[in-house]
Amino acid sequence: QLRYYWEASDQAFSGEECTFLNQIENKFRYGCEYLGNSMRLVVTPLTDRIYLTLTGALGMALGGAPAGPAGTGKTETTKDLAKAMAKQCIVFNCQEGMDYIMVGKFFKGL
């Protein structure tokens, strides 16, 4: 479970204090990205497991890509974690017909 703390830090955006998210031994600075007012997911053992796995990977400066059958909520869970951390999340579905030109156009748009 993500826990939010207001602490003094030299990583603050302005001032000397900022909000941090803690999960197990990982600590992240709150992103301060306004993502709108929308519905949140229901926390189940599977969503909690994905949260633990992705925050563990982010804590080691790695990324994550949940895998599994279609319709199990992988994308929505990842987007919900990004919303909880106040970070922007961009979802991109790969296709067989993609080439380096298409990927270049995608990254140029970011």
Foldseek 3Di string as FASTA:
>chain_A
DKDKDWDFDPPDPDDGIFIWIDDDHAIGGQDPADDDDDDADDDDPVLVVVLVVQSVQVSVVHGDDDDDDPPPCRVVSVVRSCVVSNHDDDDDDDDPPDDPVVVVVVVVVD
